[in-house]
PDB file of N, CA and C in Angstrom:
ATOM      1  N   UNK A   1       7.410 -65.983  -9.551  1.00  0.00           N
ATOM      2  CA  UNK A   1       5.921 -66.619  -9.598  1.00  0.00           C
ATOM      3  C   UNK A   1       4.899 -66.107 -10.498  1.00  0.00           C
ATOM      4  N   UNK A   2       5.043 -64.928 -10.620  1.00  0.00           N
ATOM      5  CA  UNK A   2       3.952 -64.264 -11.585  1.00  0.00           C
ATOM      6  C   UNK A   2       4.622 -64.731 -13.098  1.00  0.00           C
ATOM      7  N   UNK A   3       5.669 -64.813 -13.296  1.00  0.00           N
ATOM      8  CA  UNK A   3       5.990 -64.862 -14.755  1.00  0.00           C
ATOM      9  C   UNK A   3       5.716 -66.558 -15.029  1.00  0.00           C
ATOM     10  N   UNK A   4       5.900 -67.328 -13.871  1.00  0.00           N
ATOM     11  CA  UNK A   4       5.546 -68.918 -14.131  1.00  0.00           C
ATOM     12  C   UNK A   4       4.029 -69.021 -14.337  1.00  0.00           C
ATOM     13  N   UNK A   5       3.214 -68.269 -13.606  1.00  0.00           N
ATOM     14  CA  UNK A   5       1.892 -68.203 -13.954  1.00  0.00           C
ATOM     15  C   UNK A   5       1.692 -67.709 -15.336  1.00  0.00           C
ATOM     16  N   UNK A   6       2.140 -66.718 -15.835  1.00  0.00           N
ATOM     17  CA  UNK A   6       1.870 -66.164 -17.223  1.00  0.00           C
ATOM     18  C   UNK A   6       2.349 -67.043 -18.136  1.00  0.00           C
ATOM     19  N   UNK A   7       3.383 -67.895 -17.839  1.00  0.00           N
ATOM     20  CA  UNK A   7       3.957 -68.874 -18.912  1.00  0.00           C
ATOM     21  C   UNK A   7       3.068 -69.829 -18.981  1.00  0.00           C
ATOM     22  N   UNK A   8       2.438 -70.557 -17.882  1.00  0.00           N
ATOM     23  CA  UNK A   8       1.476 -71.565 -17.938  1.00  0.00           C
ATOM     24  C   UNK A   8       0.115 -71.282 -18.713  1.00  0.00           C
ATOM     25  N   UNK A   9      -0.190 -69.797 -18.404  1.00  0.00           N
ATOM     26  CA  UNK A   9      -1.430 -69.369 -19.009  1.00  0.00           C
ATOM     27  C   UNK A   9      -1.112 -69.370 -20.612  1.00  0.00           C
ATOM     28  N   UNK A  10      -0.147 -68.859 -20.967  1.00  0.00           N
ATOM     29  CA  UNK A  10       0.287 -68.680 -22.562  1.00  0.00           C
ATOM     30  C   UNK A  10       0.245 -70.006 -22.914  1.00  0.00           C
ATOM     31  N   UNK A  11       1.017 -71.082 -22.172  1.00  0.00           N
ATOM     32  CA  UNK A  11       1.112 -72.552 -22.897  1.00  0.00           C
ATOM     33  C   UNK A  11      -0.317 -73.054 -23.193  1.00  0.00           C
ATOM     34  N   UNK A  12      -1.166 -72.952 -22.079  1.00  0.00           N
ATOM     35  CA  UNK A  12      -2.539 -73.476 -22.036  1.00  0.00           C
ATOM     36  C   UNK A  12      -3.333 -72.827 -23.321  1.00  0.00           C
ATOM     37  N   UNK A  13      -3.232 -71.350 -23.551  1.00  0.00           N
ATOM     38  CA  UNK A  13      -4.106 -70.838 -24.530  1.00  0.00           C
ATOM     39  C   UNK A  13      -3.600 -70.890 -25.915  1.00  0.00           C
ATOM     40  N   UNK A  14      -2.141 -71.460 -26.138  1.00  0.00           N
ATOM     41  CA  UNK A  14      -1.798 -71.702 -27.554  1.00  0.00           C
ATOM     42  C   UNK A  14      -2.574 -72.635 -28.527  1.00  0.00           C
ATOM     43  N   UNK A  15      -2.939 -73.761 -27.929  1.00  0.00           N
ATOM     44  CA  UNK A  15      -3.770 -74.727 -28.648  1.00  0.00           C
ATOM     45  C   UNK A  15      -5.032 -74.508 -28.981  1.00  0.00           C
ATOM     46  N   UNK A  16      -5.606 -73.325 -28.154  1.00  0.00           N
ATOM     47  CA  UNK A  16      -7.011 -73.110 -28.082  1.00  0.00           C
ATOM     48  C   UNK A  16      -7.661 -72.662 -29.407  1.00  0.00           C
ATOM     49  N   UNK A  17      -6.817 -72.058 -30.247  1.00  0.00           N
ATOM     50  CA  UNK A  17      -7.367 -71.576 -31.706  1.00  0.00           C
ATOM     51  C   UNK A  17      -7.596 -72.762 -32.501  1.00  0.00           C
ATOM     52  N   UNK A  18      -6.585 -73.590 -32.500  1.00  0.00           N
ATOM     53  CA  UNK A  18      -6.710 -74.785 -33.216  1.00  0.00           C
ATOM     54  C   UNK A  18      -7.716 -75.662 -32.849  1.00  0.00           C
ATOM     55  N   UNK A  19      -7.981 -75.964 -31.551  1.00  0.00           N
ATOM     56  CA  UNK A  19      -9.033 -76.723 -31.006  1.00  0.00           C
ATOM     57  C   UNK A  19     -10.365 -76.162 -31.364  1.00  0.00           C
ATOM     58  N   UNK A  20     -10.453 -74.816 -31.064  1.00  0.00           N
ATOM     59  CA  UNK A  20     -11.668 -74.053 -31.535  1.00  0.00           C
ATOM     60  C   UNK A  20     -12.147 -74.446 -33.065  1.00  0.00           C
ATOM     61  N   UNK A  21     -11.123 -74.234 -33.906  1.00  0.00           N
ATOM     62  CA  UNK A  21     -11.212 -74.503 -35.275  1.00  0.00           C
ATOM     63  C   UNK A  21     -11.806 -75.898 -35.627  1.00  0.00           C
ATOM     64  N   UNK A  22     -11.189 -76.781 -34.847  1.00  0.00           N
ATOM     65  CA  UNK A  22     -11.160 -78.228 -35.370  1.00  0.00           C
ATOM     66  C   UNK A  22     -12.635 -78.550 -34.897  1.00  0.00           C
ATOM     67  N   UNK A  23     -13.184 -78.157 -33.597  1.00  0.00           N
ATOM     68  CA  UNK A  23     -14.371 -78.409 -33.222  1.00  0.00           C
ATOM     69  C   UNK A  23     -15.550 -77.725 -33.723  1.00  0.00           C
ATOM     70  N   UNK A  24     -15.176 -76.589 -34.201  1.00  0.00           N
ATOM     71  CA  UNK A  24     -16.250 -75.904 -35.195  1.00  0.00           C
ATOM     72  C   UNK A  24     -16.395 -76.474 -36.640  1.00  0.00           C
ATOM     73  N   UNK A  25     -15.391 -77.249 -37.008  1.00  0.00           N
ATOM     74  CA  UNK A  25     -15.565 -77.839 -38.555  1.00  0.00           C
ATOM     75  C   UNK A  25     -16.396 -78.981 -38.112  1.00  0.00           C
ATOM     76  N   UNK A  26     -16.340 -79.661 -37.068  1.00  0.00           N
ATOM     77  CA  UNK A  26     -17.075 -80.692 -36.876  1.00  0.00           C
ATOM     78  C   UNK A  26     -18.750 -80.292 -36.718  1.00  0.00           C
ATOM     79  N   UNK A  27     -18.841 -79.298 -35.880  1.00  0.00           N
ATOM     80  CA  UNK A  27     -20.119 -78.676 -35.563  1.00  0.00           C
ATOM     81  C   UNK A  27     -20.050 -77.465 -35.065  1.00  0.00           C
ATOM     82  N   UNK A  28     -20.664 -76.388 -35.643  1.00  0.00           N
ATOM     83  CA  UNK A  28     -20.311 -75.013 -35.218  1.00  0.00           C
ATOM     84  C   UNK A  28     -20.936 -74.790 -33.754  1.00  0.00           C
ATOM     85  N   UNK A  29     -21.664 -75.595 -33.147  1.00  0.00           N
ATOM     86  CA  UNK A  29     -22.025 -75.322 -31.883  1.00  0.00           C
ATOM     87  C   UNK A  29     -21.121 -75.726 -30.637  1.00  0.00           C
ATOM     88  N   UNK A  30     -20.140 -76.826 -31.080  1.00  0.00           N
ATOM     89  CA  UNK A  30     -19.632 -77.565 -30.270  1.00  0.00           C
ATOM     90  C   UNK A  30     -18.324 -76.404 -29.276  1.00  0.00           C
ATOM     91  N   UNK A  31     -17.780 -75.335 -29.998  1.00  0.00           N
ATOM     92  CA  UNK A  31     -17.027 -74.371 -29.222  1.00  0.00           C
ATOM     93  C   UNK A  31     -17.734 -73.769 -28.251  1.00  0.00           C
ATOM     94  N   UNK A  32     -18.895 -73.220 -28.632  1.00  0.00           N
ATOM     95  CA  UNK A  32     -19.835 -72.514 -27.501  1.00  0.00           C
ATOM     96  C   UNK A  32     -20.271 -73.443 -26.393  1.00  0.00           C
ATOM     97  N   UNK A  33     -20.502 -74.562 -26.801  1.00  0.00           N
ATOM     98  CA  UNK A  33     -21.008 -75.466 -25.704  1.00  0.00           C
ATOM     99  C   UNK A  33     -19.776 -75.870 -24.734  1.00  0.00           C
ATOM    100  N   UNK A  34     -18.590 -76.116 -25.156  1.00  0.00           N
ATOM    101  CA  UNK A  34     -17.413 -76.286 -24.385  1.00  0.00           C
ATOM    102  C   UNK A  34     -17.142 -75.142 -23.462  1.00  0.00           C
ATOM    103  N   UNK A  35     -17.209 -73.970 -24.144  1.00  0.00           N
ATOM    104  CA  UNK A  35     -16.822 -72.619 -23.284  1.00  0.00           C
ATOM    105  C   UNK A  35     -18.032 -72.653 -22.004  1.00  0.00           C
ATOM    106  N   UNK A  36     -19.134 -72.819 -22.405  1.00  0.00           N
ATOM    107  CA  UNK A  36     -20.163 -72.797 -21.227  1.00  0.00           C
ATOM    108  C   UNK A  36     -19.689 -73.950 -20.188  1.00  0.00           C
ATOM    109  N   UNK A  37     -19.597 -75.229 -20.611  1.00  0.00           N
ATOM    110  CA  UNK A  37     -19.166 -76.249 -19.683  1.00  0.00           C
ATOM    111  C   UNK A  37     -17.962 -75.623 -18.913  1.00  0.00           C
ATOM    112  N   UNK A  38     -16.877 -75.289 -19.557  1.00  0.00           N
ATOM    113  CA  UNK A  38     -15.710 -75.117 -18.790  1.00  0.00           C
ATOM    114  C   UNK A  38     -15.982 -73.648 -17.738  1.00  0.00           C
ATOM    115  N   UNK A  39     -16.703 -72.691 -18.205  1.00  0.00           N
ATOM    116  CA  UNK A  39     -17.188 -71.690 -17.157  1.00  0.00           C
ATOM    117  C   UNK A  39     -17.856 -72.258 -15.977  1.00  0.00           C
ATOM    118  N   UNK A  40     -18.680 -73.060 -16.221  1.00  0.00           N
ATOM    119  CA  UNK A  40     -19.527 -73.669 -15.159  1.00  0.00           C
ATOM    120  C   UNK A  40     -18.481 -74.390 -14.161  1.00  0.00           C
ATOM    121  N   UNK A  41     -17.666 -75.259 -14.947  1.00  0.00           N
ATOM    122  CA  UNK A  41     -16.561 -75.926 -13.973  1.00  0.00           C
ATOM    123  C   UNK A  41     -15.821 -75.021 -13.188  1.00  0.00           C
ATOM    124  N   UNK A  42     -15.269 -73.982 -13.746  1.00  0.00           N
ATOM    125  CA  UNK A  42     -14.485 -72.945 -13.066  1.00  0.00           C
ATOM    126  C   UNK A  42     -15.280 -72.381 -11.967  1.00  0.00           C
ATOM    127  N   UNK A  43     -16.652 -72.103 -12.259  1.00  0.00           N
ATOM    128  CA  UNK A  43     -17.317 -71.389 -10.976  1.00  0.00           C
ATOM    129  C   UNK A  43     -17.679 -72.302  -9.968  1.00  0.00           C
ATOM    130  N   UNK A  44     -17.751 -73.678 -10.333  1.00  0.00           N
ATOM    131  CA  UNK A  44     -17.949 -74.591  -9.281  1.00  0.00           C
ATOM    132  C   UNK A  44     -16.772 -74.717  -8.464  1.00  0.00           C
ATOM    133  N   UNK A  45     -15.676 -74.810  -9.152  1.00  0.00           N
ATOM    134  CA  UNK A  45     -14.324 -75.146  -8.543  1.00  0.00           C
ATOM    135  C   UNK A  45     -13.932 -73.948  -7.504  1.00  0.00           C
ATOM    136  N   UNK A  46     -14.216 -72.678  -8.105  1.00  0.00           N
ATOM    137  CA  UNK A  46     -13.732 -71.270  -7.181  1.00  0.00           C
ATOM    138  C   UNK A  46     -14.849 -71.295  -5.934  1.00  0.00           C
ATOM    139  N   UNK A  47     -16.035 -71.611  -6.116  1.00  0.00           N
ATOM    140  CA  UNK A  47     -16.894 -71.762  -4.999  1.00  0.00           C
ATOM    141  C   UNK A  47     -16.658 -72.656  -4.004  1.00  0.00           C
ATOM    142  N   UNK A  48     -16.220 -73.923  -4.274  1.00  0.00           N
ATOM    143  CA  UNK A  48     -15.681 -75.110  -3.543  1.00  0.00           C
ATOM    144  C   UNK A  48     -14.498 -74.537  -2.652  1.00  0.00           C
ATOM    145  N   UNK A  49     -13.497 -73.969  -3.486  1.00  0.00           N
ATOM    146  CA  UNK A  49     -12.136 -73.483  -2.747  1.00  0.00           C
ATOM    147  C   UNK A  49     -12.600 -72.262  -1.909  1.00  0.00           C
ATOM    148  N   UNK A  50     -13.345 -71.370  -2.187  1.00  0.00           N
ATOM    149  CA  UNK A  50     -13.894 -70.320  -1.254  1.00  0.00           C
ATOM    150  C   UNK A  50     -14.473 -70.948  -0.001  1.00  0.00           C
ATOM    151  N   UNK A  51     -15.438 -71.852  -0.169  1.00  0.00           N
ATOM    152  CA  UNK A  51     -15.914 -72.543   1.077  1.00  0.00           C
ATOM    153  C   UNK A  51     -14.840 -73.211   1.948  1.00  0.00           C
ATOM    154  N   UNK A  52     -13.780 -74.010   0.966  1.00  0.00           N
ATOM    155  CA  UNK A  52     -12.773 -74.550   1.919  1.00  0.00           C
ATOM    156  C   UNK A  52     -11.870 -73.536   2.634  1.00  0.00           C
ATOM    157  N   UNK A  53     -11.592 -72.433   2.034  1.00  0.00           N
ATOM    158  CA  UNK A  53     -10.819 -71.442   2.710  1.00  0.00           C
ATOM    159  C   UNK A  53     -11.539 -70.880   3.994  1.00  0.00           C
ATOM    160  N   UNK A  54     -12.796 -70.661   3.688  1.00  0.00           N
ATOM    161  CA  UNK A  54     -13.614 -70.129   5.043  1.00  0.00           C
ATOM    162  C   UNK A  54     -13.793 -71.005   6.059  1.00  0.00           C
ATOM    163  N   UNK A  55     -13.675 -72.313   5.785  1.00  0.00           N
ATOM    164  CA  UNK A  55     -13.696 -73.264   7.236  1.00  0.00           C
ATOM    165  C   UNK A  55     -12.393 -73.183   7.925  1.00  0.00           C
ATOM    166  N   UNK A  56     -11.243 -72.695   7.206  1.00  0.00           N
ATOM    167  CA  UNK A  56     -10.077 -72.812   7.980  1.00  0.00           C
ATOM    168  C   UNK A  56      -9.970 -71.531   8.928  1.00  0.00           C
ATOM    169  N   UNK A  57     -10.760 -70.599   8.519  1.00  0.00           N
ATOM    170  CA  UNK A  57     -10.581 -69.218   9.160  1.00  0.00           C
ATOM    171  C   UNK A  57     -11.413 -68.983  10.381  1.00  0.00           C
ATOM    172  N   UNK A  58     -11.373 -68.212  11.262  1.00  0.00           N
ATOM    173  CA  UNK A  58     -12.092 -67.702  12.427  1.00  0.00           C
ATOM    174  C   UNK A  58     -13.193 -66.841  11.780  1.00  0.00           C
ATOM    175  N   UNK A  59     -14.406 -66.823  12.388  1.00  0.00           N
ATOM    176  CA  UNK A  59     -15.363 -65.950  11.797  1.00  0.00           C
ATOM    177  C   UNK A  59     -14.952 -64.585  11.733  1.00  0.00           C
ATOM    178  N   UNK A  60     -14.345 -63.851  12.629  1.00  0.00           N
ATOM    179  CA  UNK A  60     -13.874 -62.448  12.692  1.00  0.00           C
ATOM    180  C   UNK A  60     -12.801 -62.236  11.587  1.00  0.00           C
ATOM    181  N   UNK A  61     -12.408 -63.234  11.055  1.00  0.00           N
ATOM    182  CA  UNK A  61     -11.102 -62.912  10.056  1.00  0.00           C
ATOM    183  C   UNK A  61     -11.789 -63.210   8.576  1.00  0.00           C
ATOM    184  N   UNK A  62     -12.893 -63.451   8.449  1.00  0.00           N
ATOM    185  CA  UNK A  62     -13.409 -63.792   7.249  1.00  0.00           C
ATOM    186  C   UNK A  62     -14.057 -62.639   6.641  1.00  0.00           C
ATOM    187  N   UNK A  63     -14.080 -62.375   5.328  1.00  0.00           N
ATOM    188  CA  UNK A  63     -14.923 -61.315   4.711  1.00  0.00           C
ATOM    189  C   UNK A  63     -15.682 -62.203   3.615  1.00  0.00           C
ATOM    190  N   UNK A  64     -16.950 -61.876   3.481  1.00  0.00           N
ATOM    191  CA  UNK A  64     -17.680 -62.504   2.546  1.00  0.00           C
ATOM    192  C   UNK A  64     -18.702 -61.730   1.884  1.00  0.00           C
ATOM    193  N   UNK A  65     -18.879 -61.970   0.496  1.00  0.00           N
ATOM    194  CA  UNK A  65     -19.518 -61.280  -0.412  1.00  0.00           C
ATOM    195  C   UNK A  65     -21.100 -61.408  -0.148  1.00  0.00           C
ATOM    196  N   UNK A  66     -21.651 -62.612   0.602  1.00  0.00           N
ATOM    197  CA  UNK A  66     -22.768 -62.900   0.646  1.00  0.00           C
ATOM    198  C   UNK A  66     -23.232 -62.494   2.100  1.00  0.00           C
ATOM    199  N   UNK A  67     -22.683 -61.799   2.824  1.00  0.00           N
ATOM    200  CA  UNK A  67     -23.252 -61.180   4.097  1.00  0.00           C
ATOM    201  C   UNK A  67     -22.858 -61.751   5.215  1.00  0.00           C
TER     202      UNK A  67
END
């Protein structure tokens, strides 16, 4: 399982250099804006997944960073 995840991560990161260079050639700010947008999306998705996993557990079994 670990090797499959690592393979998918490698395949998804291979075209990132080309895409960053291409978007930089259009406008130098675009790669940085895209990184910020993708970071915000990943934070929202991880927050939603944490909330969904919390719903399915009993209160005594959950551990929360927020108290």
